[in-house]
Amino acid sequence: MKVAEMRMLRWMCGHTRKEMIRNEVIRDMVGVTSMEDKLRESRLRWFGHVKRKDIDAPVRRCEGLSMVGLRRGRSRLKNYWGEVIRQDMSLLQLTEDMTIDRKI
């Protein structure tokens, strides 16, 4: 994803990889942040939206469900939404208590 994003940004600027311009310089020229940061921001925004819902809301009820007897295959482990949110929150040093106040 990062490679495709940088390829598009270079194309927008009219530069190639042969010119050896750093990714940060290209981003500054275009004036955008990374796609990864934008995805993280939208995931955390949705997480705050879900946490501010009533406990009786269908979204909140599904949050507490556990799969009994679920066996994971031998392939690569899947990233679940809760695990990804925990990683994002630890990266930005956020807590679940911060989701109550939308301005934070």
PDB file of N, CA and C in Angstrom:
ATOM      1  N   MET A   1       0.829  -1.183   0.000  1.00  0.00           N
ATOM      2  CA  MET A   1       0.000   0.000   0.000  1.00  0.00           C
ATOM      3  C   MET A   1       0.877   1.251   0.000  1.00  0.00           C
ATOM      4  N   LYS A   2       1.926   1.225   0.815  1.00  0.00           N
ATOM      5  CA  LYS A   2       2.808   2.391   0.892  1.00  0.00           C
ATOM      6  C   LYS A   2       3.515   2.630  -0.432  1.00  0.00           C
ATOM      7  N   VAL A   3       3.911   1.539  -1.085  1.00  0.00           N
ATOM      8  CA  VAL A   3       4.626   1.660  -2.347  1.00  0.00           C
ATOM      9  C   VAL A   3       3.720   2.263  -3.418  1.00  0.00           C
ATOM     10  N   ALA A   4       2.491   1.779  -3.482  1.00  0.00           N
ATOM     11  CA  ALA A   4       1.549   2.303  -4.472  1.00  0.00           C
ATOM     12  C   ALA A   4       1.241   3.770  -4.202  1.00  0.00           C
ATOM     13  N   GLU A   5       1.104   4.120  -2.945  1.00  0.00           N
ATOM     14  CA  GLU A   5       0.838   5.513  -2.590  1.00  0.00           C
ATOM     15  C   GLU A   5       1.989   6.416  -3.035  1.00  0.00           C
ATOM     16  N   MET A   6       3.217   6.017  -2.747  1.00  0.00           N
ATOM     17  CA  MET A   6       4.365   6.839  -3.126  1.00  0.00           C
ATOM     18  C   MET A   6       4.528   6.897  -4.645  1.00  0.00           C
ATOM     19  N   ARG A   7       4.210   5.811  -5.336  1.00  0.00           N
ATOM     20  CA  ARG A   7       4.284   5.814  -6.793  1.00  0.00           C
ATOM     21  C   ARG A   7       3.317   6.843  -7.378  1.00  0.00           C
ATOM     22  N   MET A   8       2.107   6.899  -6.811  1.00  0.00           N
ATOM     23  CA  MET A   8       1.127   7.880  -7.288  1.00  0.00           C
ATOM     24  C   MET A   8       1.558   9.310  -6.981  1.00  0.00           C
ATOM     25  N   LEU A   9       2.116   9.525  -5.794  1.00  0.00           N
ATOM     26  CA  LEU A   9       2.562  10.872  -5.433  1.00  0.00           C
ATOM     27  C   LEU A   9       3.710  11.328  -6.330  1.00  0.00           C
ATOM     28  N   ARG A  10       4.642  10.424  -6.629  1.00  0.00           N
ATOM     29  CA  ARG A  10       5.736  10.769  -7.536  1.00  0.00           C
ATOM     30  C   ARG A  10       5.216  11.090  -8.925  1.00  0.00           C
ATOM     31  N   TRP A  11       4.250  10.315  -9.371  1.00  0.00           N
ATOM     32  CA  TRP A  11       3.647  10.530 -10.676  1.00  0.00           C
ATOM     33  C   TRP A  11       2.960  11.893 -10.739  1.00  0.00           C
ATOM     34  N   MET A  12       2.267  12.261  -9.642  1.00  0.00           N
ATOM     35  CA  MET A  12       1.602  13.569  -9.588  1.00  0.00           C
ATOM     36  C   MET A  12       2.609  14.715  -9.696  1.00  0.00           C
ATOM     37  N   CYS A  13       3.779  14.530  -9.095  1.00  0.00           N
ATOM     38  CA  CYS A  13       4.816  15.568  -9.118  1.00  0.00           C
ATOM     39  C   CYS A  13       5.642  15.545 -10.397  1.00  0.00           C
ATOM     40  N   GLY A  14       5.544  14.477 -11.166  1.00  0.00           N
ATOM     41  CA  GLY A  14       6.325  14.367 -12.385  1.00  0.00           C
ATOM     42  C   GLY A  14       7.742  13.895 -12.146  1.00  0.00           C
ATOM     43  N   HIS A  15       7.986  13.217 -11.046  1.00  0.00           N
ATOM     44  CA  HIS A  15       9.313  12.706 -10.723  1.00  0.00           C
ATOM     45  C   HIS A  15       9.329  11.190 -10.841  1.00  0.00           C
ATOM     46  N   THR A  16      10.526  10.643 -11.001  1.00  0.00           N
ATOM     47  CA  THR A  16      10.689   9.194 -11.036  1.00  0.00           C
ATOM     48  C   THR A  16      11.603   8.771  -9.886  1.00  0.00           C
ATOM     49  N   ARG A  17      11.702   7.466  -9.688  1.00  0.00           N
ATOM     50  CA  ARG A  17      12.586   6.967  -8.626  1.00  0.00           C
ATOM     51  C   ARG A  17      14.055   7.170  -8.976  1.00  0.00           C
ATOM     52  N   LYS A  18      14.342   7.283 -10.252  1.00  0.00           N
ATOM     53  CA  LYS A  18      15.730   7.487 -10.681  1.00  0.00           C
ATOM     54  C   LYS A  18      16.291   8.817 -10.163  1.00  0.00           C
ATOM     55  N   GLU A  19      15.407   9.773  -9.934  1.00  0.00           N
ATOM     56  CA  GLU A  19      15.850  11.083  -9.445  1.00  0.00           C
ATOM     57  C   GLU A  19      16.242  11.046  -7.973  1.00  0.00           C
ATOM     58  N   MET A  20      15.900   9.972  -7.298  1.00  0.00           N
ATOM     59  CA  MET A  20      16.254   9.734  -5.896  1.00  0.00           C
ATOM     60  C   MET A  20      15.853  10.895  -4.972  1.00  0.00           C
ATOM     61  N   ILE A  21      14.609  11.286  -5.050  1.00  0.00           N
ATOM     62  CA  ILE A  21      14.077  12.303  -4.146  1.00  0.00           C
ATOM     63  C   ILE A  21      13.411  11.563  -2.991  1.00  0.00           C
ATOM     64  N   ARG A  22      13.711  11.983  -1.779  1.00  0.00           N
ATOM     65  CA  ARG A  22      13.188  11.301  -0.595  1.00  0.00           C
ATOM     66  C   ARG A  22      11.659  11.394  -0.533  1.00  0.00           C
ATOM     67  N   ASN A  23      11.057  10.357   0.096  1.00  0.00           N
ATOM     68  CA  ASN A  23       9.606  10.307   0.229  1.00  0.00           C
ATOM     69  C   ASN A  23       9.070  11.509   0.999  1.00  0.00           C
ATOM     70  N   GLU A  24       9.786  11.929   2.031  1.00  0.00           N
ATOM     71  CA  GLU A  24       9.330  13.066   2.842  1.00  0.00           C
ATOM     72  C   GLU A  24       9.261  14.337   2.006  1.00  0.00           C
ATOM     73  N   VAL A  25      10.226  14.509   1.111  1.00  0.00           N
ATOM     74  CA  VAL A  25      10.246  15.698   0.254  1.00  0.00           C
ATOM     75  C   VAL A  25       9.059  15.669  -0.703  1.00  0.00           C
ATOM     76  N   ILE A  26       8.780  14.501  -1.264  1.00  0.00           N
ATOM     77  CA  ILE A  26       7.635  14.353  -2.172  1.00  0.00           C
ATOM     78  C   ILE A  26       6.342  14.657  -1.426  1.00  0.00           C
ATOM     79  N   ARG A  27       6.203  14.138  -0.198  1.00  0.00           N
ATOM     80  CA  ARG A  27       4.993  14.394   0.600  1.00  0.00           C
ATOM     81  C   ARG A  27       4.831  15.875   0.891  1.00  0.00           C
ATOM     82  N   ASP A  28       5.931  16.558   1.202  1.00  0.00           N
ATOM     83  CA  ASP A  28       5.869  17.993   1.467  1.00  0.00           C
ATOM     84  C   ASP A  28       5.484  18.776   0.217  1.00  0.00           C
ATOM     85  N   MET A  29       5.957  18.326  -0.933  1.00  0.00           N
ATOM     86  CA  MET A  29       5.620  19.002  -2.185  1.00  0.00           C
ATOM     87  C   MET A  29       4.120  18.911  -2.473  1.00  0.00           C
ATOM     88  N   VAL A  30       3.567  17.735  -2.229  1.00  0.00           N
ATOM     89  CA  VAL A  30       2.140  17.517  -2.495  1.00  0.00           C
ATOM     90  C   VAL A  30       1.294  18.043  -1.342  1.00  0.00           C
ATOM     91  N   GLY A  31       1.836  17.987  -0.121  1.00  0.00           N
ATOM     92  CA  GLY A  31       1.108  18.477   1.048  1.00  0.00           C
ATOM     93  C   GLY A  31       0.107  17.487   1.611  1.00  0.00           C
ATOM     94  N   VAL A  32       0.461  16.218   1.621  1.00  0.00           N
ATOM     95  CA  VAL A  32      -0.431  15.185   2.163  1.00  0.00           C
ATOM     96  C   VAL A  32       0.292  14.390   3.239  1.00  0.00           C
ATOM     97  N   THR A  33      -0.494  13.752   4.087  1.00  0.00           N
ATOM     98  CA  THR A  33       0.064  12.834   5.079  1.00  0.00           C
ATOM     99  C   THR A  33      -0.031  11.427   4.516  1.00  0.00           C
ATOM    100  N   SER A  34       0.533  10.474   5.217  1.00  0.00           N
ATOM    101  CA  SER A  34       0.539   9.103   4.703  1.00  0.00           C
ATOM    102  C   SER A  34      -0.849   8.476   4.804  1.00  0.00           C
ATOM    103  N   MET A  35      -1.097   7.557   3.902  1.00  0.00           N
ATOM    104  CA  MET A  35      -2.368   6.850   3.878  1.00  0.00           C
ATOM    105  C   MET A  35      -2.554   6.047   5.157  1.00  0.00           C
ATOM    106  N   GLU A  36      -1.472   5.518   5.674  1.00  0.00           N
ATOM    107  CA  GLU A  36      -1.508   4.734   6.909  1.00  0.00           C
ATOM    108  C   GLU A  36      -2.029   5.575   8.078  1.00  0.00           C
ATOM    109  N   ASP A  37      -1.560   6.826   8.172  1.00  0.00           N
ATOM    110  CA  ASP A  37      -2.020   7.716   9.237  1.00  0.00           C
ATOM    111  C   ASP A  37      -3.500   8.052   9.075  1.00  0.00           C
ATOM    112  N   LYS A  38      -3.927   8.254   7.833  1.00  0.00           N
ATOM    113  CA  LYS A  38      -5.340   8.567   7.575  1.00  0.00           C
ATOM    114  C   LYS A  38      -6.235   7.382   7.923  1.00  0.00           C
ATOM    115  N   LEU A  39      -5.801   6.180   7.601  1.00  0.00           N
ATOM    116  CA  LEU A  39      -6.583   4.993   7.946  1.00  0.00           C
ATOM    117  C   LEU A  39      -6.668   4.824   9.454  1.00  0.00           C
ATOM    118  N   ARG A  40      -5.556   5.054  10.144  1.00  0.00           N
ATOM    119  CA  ARG A  40      -5.541   4.963  11.604  1.00  0.00           C
ATOM    120  C   ARG A  40      -6.508   5.987  12.204  1.00  0.00           C
ATOM    121  N   GLU A  41      -6.486   7.193  11.673  1.00  0.00           N
ATOM    122  CA  GLU A  41      -7.366   8.255  12.161  1.00  0.00           C
ATOM    123  C   GLU A  41      -8.832   7.879  11.993  1.00  0.00           C
ATOM    124  N   SER A  42      -9.188   7.320  10.832  1.00  0.00           N
ATOM    125  CA  SER A  42     -10.587   6.953  10.608  1.00  0.00           C
ATOM    126  C   SER A  42     -11.008   5.773  11.482  1.00  0.00           C
ATOM    127  N   ARG A  43     -10.083   4.802  11.686  1.00  0.00           N
ATOM    128  CA  ARG A  43     -10.406   3.671  12.577  1.00  0.00           C
ATOM    129  C   ARG A  43     -10.676   4.152  13.988  1.00  0.00           C
ATOM    130  N   LEU A  44      -9.828   5.056  14.490  1.00  0.00           N
ATOM    131  CA  LEU A  44     -10.007   5.554  15.858  1.00  0.00           C
ATOM    132  C   LEU A  44     -11.241   6.436  15.967  1.00  0.00           C
ATOM    133  N   ARG A  45     -11.577   7.157  14.914  1.00  0.00           N
ATOM    134  CA  ARG A  45     -12.802   7.963  14.931  1.00  0.00           C
ATOM    135  C   ARG A  45     -14.023   7.058  15.041  1.00  0.00           C
ATOM    136  N   TRP A  46     -14.029   5.952  14.274  1.00  0.00           N
ATOM    137  CA  TRP A  46     -15.130   5.002  14.338  1.00  0.00           C
ATOM    138  C   TRP A  46     -15.188   4.334  15.711  1.00  0.00           C
ATOM    139  N   PHE A  47     -14.036   4.006  16.281  1.00  0.00           N
ATOM    140  CA  PHE A  47     -13.982   3.404  17.607  1.00  0.00           C
ATOM    141  C   PHE A  47     -14.622   4.329  18.639  1.00  0.00           C
ATOM    142  N   GLY A  48     -14.305   5.620  18.582  1.00  0.00           N
ATOM    143  CA  GLY A  48     -14.909   6.585  19.505  1.00  0.00           C
ATOM    144  C   GLY A  48     -16.410   6.678  19.308  1.00  0.00           C
ATOM    145  N   HIS A  49     -16.843   6.627  18.051  1.00  0.00           N
ATOM    146  CA  HIS A  49     -18.277   6.659  17.753  1.00  0.00           C
ATOM    147  C   HIS A  49     -18.987   5.460  18.369  1.00  0.00           C
ATOM    148  N   VAL A  50     -18.392   4.284  18.241  1.00  0.00           N
ATOM    149  CA  VAL A  50     -18.986   3.060  18.796  1.00  0.00           C
ATOM    150  C   VAL A  50     -19.012   3.129  20.315  1.00  0.00           C
ATOM    151  N   LYS A  51     -17.940   3.590  20.932  1.00  0.00           N
ATOM    152  CA  LYS A  51     -17.868   3.648  22.393  1.00  0.00           C
ATOM    153  C   LYS A  51     -18.848   4.652  22.995  1.00  0.00           C
ATOM    154  N   ARG A  52     -19.203   5.696  22.242  1.00  0.00           N
ATOM    155  CA  ARG A  52     -20.144   6.687  22.759  1.00  0.00           C
ATOM    156  C   ARG A  52     -21.602   6.250  22.602  1.00  0.00           C
ATOM    157  N   LYS A  53     -21.849   5.183  21.862  1.00  0.00           N
ATOM    158  CA  LYS A  53     -23.207   4.661  21.704  1.00  0.00           C
ATOM    159  C   LYS A  53     -23.706   4.071  23.019  1.00  0.00           C
ATOM    160  N   ASP A  54     -25.039   3.932  23.112  1.00  0.00           N
ATOM    161  CA  ASP A  54     -25.631   3.280  24.281  1.00  0.00           C
ATOM    162  C   ASP A  54     -25.216   1.808  24.320  1.00  0.00           C
ATOM    163  N   ILE A  55     -25.226   1.258  25.511  1.00  0.00           N
ATOM    164  CA  ILE A  55     -24.846  -0.150  25.674  1.00  0.00           C
ATOM    165  C   ILE A  55     -25.850  -1.070  24.973  1.00  0.00           C
ATOM    166  N   ASP A  56     -27.107  -0.623  24.839  1.00  0.00           N
ATOM    167  CA  ASP A  56     -28.136  -1.440  24.193  1.00  0.00           C
ATOM    168  C   ASP A  56     -28.076  -1.391  22.671  1.00  0.00           C
ATOM    169  N   ALA A  57     -27.251  -0.542  22.102  1.00  0.00           N
ATOM    170  CA  ALA A  57     -27.148  -0.424  20.641  1.00  0.00           C
ATOM    171  C   ALA A  57     -26.599  -1.724  20.055  1.00  0.00           C
ATOM    172  N   PRO A  58     -27.073  -2.109  18.884  1.00  0.00           N
ATOM    173  CA  PRO A  58     -26.613  -3.375  18.280  1.00  0.00           C
ATOM    174  C   PRO A  58     -25.093  -3.446  18.093  1.00  0.00           C
ATOM    175  N   VAL A  59     -24.479  -2.322  17.778  1.00  0.00           N
ATOM    176  CA  VAL A  59     -23.028  -2.320  17.585  1.00  0.00           C
ATOM    177  C   VAL A  59     -22.314  -2.665  18.882  1.00  0.00           C
ATOM    178  N   ARG A  60     -22.791  -2.138  19.977  1.00  0.00           N
ATOM    179  CA  ARG A  60     -22.155  -2.406  21.273  1.00  0.00           C
ATOM    180  C   ARG A  60     -22.412  -3.830  21.735  1.00  0.00           C
ATOM    181  N   ARG A  61     -23.583  -4.369  21.419  1.00  0.00           N
ATOM    182  CA  ARG A  61     -23.871  -5.744  21.816  1.00  0.00           C
ATOM    183  C   ARG A  61     -22.989  -6.727  21.065  1.00  0.00           C
ATOM    184  N   CYS A  62     -22.703  -6.445  19.802  1.00  0.00           N
ATOM    185  CA  CYS A  62     -21.834  -7.322  18.999  1.00  0.00           C
ATOM    186  C   CYS A  62     -20.396  -7.261  19.479  1.00  0.00           C
ATOM    187  N   GLU A  63     -20.024  -6.176  20.102  1.00  0.00           N
ATOM    188  CA  GLU A  63     -18.657  -5.997  20.564  1.00  0.00           C
ATOM    189  C   GLU A  63     -18.273  -7.039  21.616  1.00  0.00           C
ATOM    190  N   GLY A  64     -19.222  -7.423  22.446  1.00  0.00           N
ATOM    191  CA  GLY A  64     -18.934  -8.344  23.536  1.00  0.00           C
ATOM    192  C   GLY A  64     -19.091  -9.813  23.192  1.00  0.00           C
ATOM    193  N   LEU A  65     -19.480 -10.126  21.965  1.00  0.00           N
ATOM    194  CA  LEU A  65     -19.669 -11.521  21.581  1.00  0.00           C
ATOM    195  C   LEU A  65     -18.340 -12.248  21.511  1.00  0.00           C
ATOM    196  N   SER A  66     -18.370 -13.493  21.918  1.00  0.00           N
ATOM    197  CA  SER A  66     -17.165 -14.316  21.796  1.00  0.00           C
ATOM    198  C   SER A  66     -17.534 -15.560  20.998  1.00  0.00           C
ATOM    199  N   MET A  67     -16.627 -16.020  20.210  1.00  0.00           N
ATOM    200  CA  MET A  67     -16.857 -17.185  19.368  1.00  0.00           C
ATOM    201  C   MET A  67     -16.374 -18.420  20.113  1.00  0.00           C
ATOM    202  N   VAL A  68     -17.306 -19.267  20.512  1.00  0.00           N
ATOM    203  CA  VAL A  68     -16.962 -20.482  21.238  1.00  0.00           C
ATOM    204  C   VAL A  68     -16.638 -21.577  20.230  1.00  0.00           C
ATOM    205  N   GLY A  69     -15.547 -22.256  20.465  1.00  0.00           N
ATOM    206  CA  GLY A  69     -15.169 -23.369  19.591  1.00  0.00           C
ATOM    207  C   GLY A  69     -14.557 -22.923  18.278  1.00  0.00           C
ATOM    208  N   LEU A  70     -14.157 -21.684  18.194  1.00  0.00           N
ATOM    209  CA  LEU A  70     -13.557 -21.181  16.962  1.00  0.00           C
ATOM    210  C   LEU A  70     -12.108 -21.647  16.872  1.00  0.00           C
ATOM    211  N   ARG A  71     -11.775 -22.285  15.778  1.00  0.00           N
ATOM    212  CA  ARG A  71     -10.401 -22.747  15.569  1.00  0.00           C
ATOM    213  C   ARG A  71      -9.774 -21.917  14.470  1.00  0.00           C
ATOM    214  N   ARG A  72      -8.601 -21.421  14.751  1.00  0.00           N
ATOM    215  CA  ARG A  72      -7.869 -20.694  13.732  1.00  0.00           C
ATOM    216  C   ARG A  72      -7.064 -21.678  12.907  1.00  0.00           C
ATOM    217  N   GLY A  73      -6.957 -21.404  11.627  1.00  0.00           N
ATOM    218  CA  GLY A  73      -6.204 -22.279  10.739  1.00  0.00           C
ATOM    219  C   GLY A  73      -4.702 -22.152  10.949  1.00  0.00           C
ATOM    220  N   ARG A  74      -3.959 -22.883  10.155  1.00  0.00           N
ATOM    221  CA  ARG A  74      -2.511 -22.872  10.276  1.00  0.00           C
ATOM    222  C   ARG A  74      -1.881 -21.710   9.534  1.00  0.00           C
ATOM    223  N   SER A  75      -2.656 -21.004   8.756  1.00  0.00           N
ATOM    224  CA  SER A  75      -2.095 -19.900   7.985  1.00  0.00           C
ATOM    225  C   SER A  75      -1.843 -18.685   8.881  1.00  0.00           C
ATOM    226  N   ARG A  76      -1.473 -17.583   8.271  1.00  0.00           N
ATOM    227  CA  ARG A  76      -1.176 -16.358   9.002  1.00  0.00           C
ATOM    228  C   ARG A  76      -2.392 -15.925   9.822  1.00  0.00           C
ATOM    229  N   LEU A  77      -2.152 -15.489  11.052  1.00  0.00           N
ATOM    230  CA  LEU A  77      -3.243 -15.066  11.919  1.00  0.00           C
ATOM    231  C   LEU A  77      -3.895 -13.812  11.369  1.00  0.00           C
ATOM    232  N   LYS A  78      -5.204 -13.735  11.497  1.00  0.00           N
ATOM    233  CA  LYS A  78      -5.935 -12.576  11.014  1.00  0.00           C
ATOM    234  C   LYS A  78      -5.892 -11.462  12.061  1.00  0.00           C
ATOM    235  N   ASN A  79      -5.833 -10.237  11.590  1.00  0.00           N
ATOM    236  CA  ASN A  79      -5.911  -9.091  12.491  1.00  0.00           C
ATOM    237  C   ASN A  79      -7.379  -8.788  12.738  1.00  0.00           C
ATOM    238  N   TYR A  80      -7.783  -8.831  13.973  1.00  0.00           N
ATOM    239  CA  TYR A  80      -9.146  -8.485  14.308  1.00  0.00           C
ATOM    240  C   TYR A  80      -9.217  -7.014  14.665  1.00  0.00           C
ATOM    241  N   TRP A  81     -10.412  -6.438  14.512  1.00  0.00           N
ATOM    242  CA  TRP A  81     -10.610  -5.009  14.686  1.00  0.00           C
ATOM    243  C   TRP A  81     -10.149  -4.543  16.061  1.00  0.00           C
ATOM    244  N   GLY A  82     -10.492  -5.276  17.091  1.00  0.00           N
ATOM    245  CA  GLY A  82     -10.106  -4.892  18.445  1.00  0.00           C
ATOM    246  C   GLY A  82      -8.601  -4.872  18.652  1.00  0.00           C
ATOM    247  N   GLU A  83      -7.929  -5.838  18.058  1.00  0.00           N
ATOM    248  CA  GLU A  83      -6.466  -5.893  18.183  1.00  0.00           C
ATOM    249  C   GLU A  83      -5.812  -4.727  17.457  1.00  0.00           C
ATOM    250  N   VAL A  84      -6.321  -4.391  16.282  1.00  0.00           N
ATOM    251  CA  VAL A  84      -5.762  -3.276  15.514  1.00  0.00           C
ATOM    252  C   VAL A  84      -5.995  -1.958  16.249  1.00  0.00           C
ATOM    253  N   ILE A  85      -7.188  -1.804  16.845  1.00  0.00           N
ATOM    254  CA  ILE A  85      -7.492  -0.595  17.613  1.00  0.00           C
ATOM    255  C   ILE A  85      -6.546  -0.478  18.808  1.00  0.00           C
ATOM    256  N   ARG A  86      -6.308  -1.597  19.500  1.00  0.00           N
ATOM    257  CA  ARG A  86      -5.379  -1.571  20.639  1.00  0.00           C
ATOM    258  C   ARG A  86      -3.971  -1.158  20.203  1.00  0.00           C
ATOM    259  N   GLN A  87      -3.531  -1.655  19.077  1.00  0.00           N
ATOM    260  CA  GLN A  87      -2.216  -1.277  18.565  1.00  0.00           C
ATOM    261  C   GLN A  87      -2.163   0.206  18.219  1.00  0.00           C
ATOM    262  N   ASP A  88      -3.217   0.707  17.571  1.00  0.00           N
ATOM    263  CA  ASP A  88      -3.272   2.128  17.217  1.00  0.00           C
ATOM    264  C   ASP A  88      -3.268   3.004  18.459  1.00  0.00           C
ATOM    265  N   MET A  89      -4.034   2.593  19.462  1.00  0.00           N
ATOM    266  CA  MET A  89      -4.114   3.385  20.677  1.00  0.00           C
ATOM    267  C   MET A  89      -2.793   3.376  21.436  1.00  0.00           C
ATOM    268  N   SER A  90      -2.114   2.250  21.457  1.00  0.00           N
ATOM    269  CA  SER A  90      -0.821   2.217  22.153  1.00  0.00           C
ATOM    270  C   SER A  90       0.223   3.022  21.391  1.00  0.00           C
ATOM    271  N   LEU A  91       0.151   3.030  20.062  1.00  0.00           N
ATOM    272  CA  LEU A  91       1.088   3.802  19.261  1.00  0.00           C
ATOM    273  C   LEU A  91       0.943   5.305  19.524  1.00  0.00           C
ATOM    274  N   LEU A  92      -0.300   5.753  19.662  1.00  0.00           N
ATOM    275  CA  LEU A  92      -0.563   7.176  19.899  1.00  0.00           C
ATOM    276  C   LEU A  92      -0.707   7.515  21.376  1.00  0.00           C
ATOM    277  N   GLN A  93      -0.512   6.522  22.246  1.00  0.00           N
ATOM    278  CA  GLN A  93      -0.609   6.686  23.697  1.00  0.00           C
ATOM    279  C   GLN A  93      -1.977   7.243  24.113  1.00  0.00           C
ATOM    280  N   LEU A  94      -3.036   6.582  23.648  1.00  0.00           N
ATOM    281  CA  LEU A  94      -4.410   6.944  23.978  1.00  0.00           C
ATOM    282  C   LEU A  94      -5.000   5.893  24.904  1.00  0.00           C
ATOM    283  N   THR A  95      -6.058   6.269  25.609  1.00  0.00           N
ATOM    284  CA  THR A  95      -6.776   5.318  26.455  1.00  0.00           C
ATOM    285  C   THR A  95      -8.242   5.287  26.053  1.00  0.00           C
ATOM    286  N   GLU A  96      -8.953   4.241  26.490  1.00  0.00           N
ATOM    287  CA  GLU A  96     -10.375   4.141  26.161  1.00  0.00           C
ATOM    288  C   GLU A  96     -11.191   5.228  26.843  1.00  0.00           C
ATOM    289  N   ASP A  97     -10.713   5.748  27.960  1.00  0.00           N
ATOM    290  CA  ASP A  97     -11.430   6.805  28.655  1.00  0.00           C
ATOM    291  C   ASP A  97     -11.502   8.086  27.820  1.00  0.00           C
ATOM    292  N   MET A  98     -10.551   8.262  26.936  1.00  0.00           N
ATOM    293  CA  MET A  98     -10.516   9.466  26.096  1.00  0.00           C
ATOM    294  C   MET A  98     -11.637   9.458  25.058  1.00  0.00           C
ATOM    295  N   THR A  99     -12.252   8.296  24.794  1.00  0.00           N
ATOM    296  CA  THR A  99     -13.278   8.223  23.770  1.00  0.00           C
ATOM    297  C   THR A  99     -14.586   8.867  24.226  1.00  0.00           C
ATOM    298  N   ILE A 100     -14.785   9.010  25.515  1.00  0.00           N
ATOM    299  CA  ILE A 100     -16.020   9.599  26.019  1.00  0.00           C
ATOM    300  C   ILE A 100     -16.131  11.057  25.621  1.00  0.00           C
ATOM    301  N   ASP A 101     -15.022  11.795  25.699  1.00  0.00           N
ATOM    302  CA  ASP A 101     -15.008  13.198  25.322  1.00  0.00           C
ATOM    303  C   ASP A 101     -14.543  13.307  23.880  1.00  0.00           C
ATOM    304  N   ARG A 102     -15.434  13.720  22.991  1.00  0.00           N
ATOM    305  CA  ARG A 102     -15.127  13.752  21.573  1.00  0.00           C
ATOM    306  C   ARG A 102     -14.041  14.756  21.219  1.00  0.00           C
ATOM    307  N   LYS A 103     -13.930  15.840  21.960  1.00  0.00           N
ATOM    308  CA  LYS A 103     -12.960  16.873  21.647  1.00  0.00           C
ATOM    309  C   LYS A 103     -11.532  16.406  21.851  1.00  0.00           C
ATOM    310  N   ILE A 104     -11.314  15.476  22.785  1.00  0.00           N
ATOM    311  CA  ILE A 104      -9.963  14.949  23.042  1.00  0.00           C
ATOM    312  C   ILE A 104      -9.544  14.100  21.881  1.00  0.00           C
TER     313      ILE A 104
END
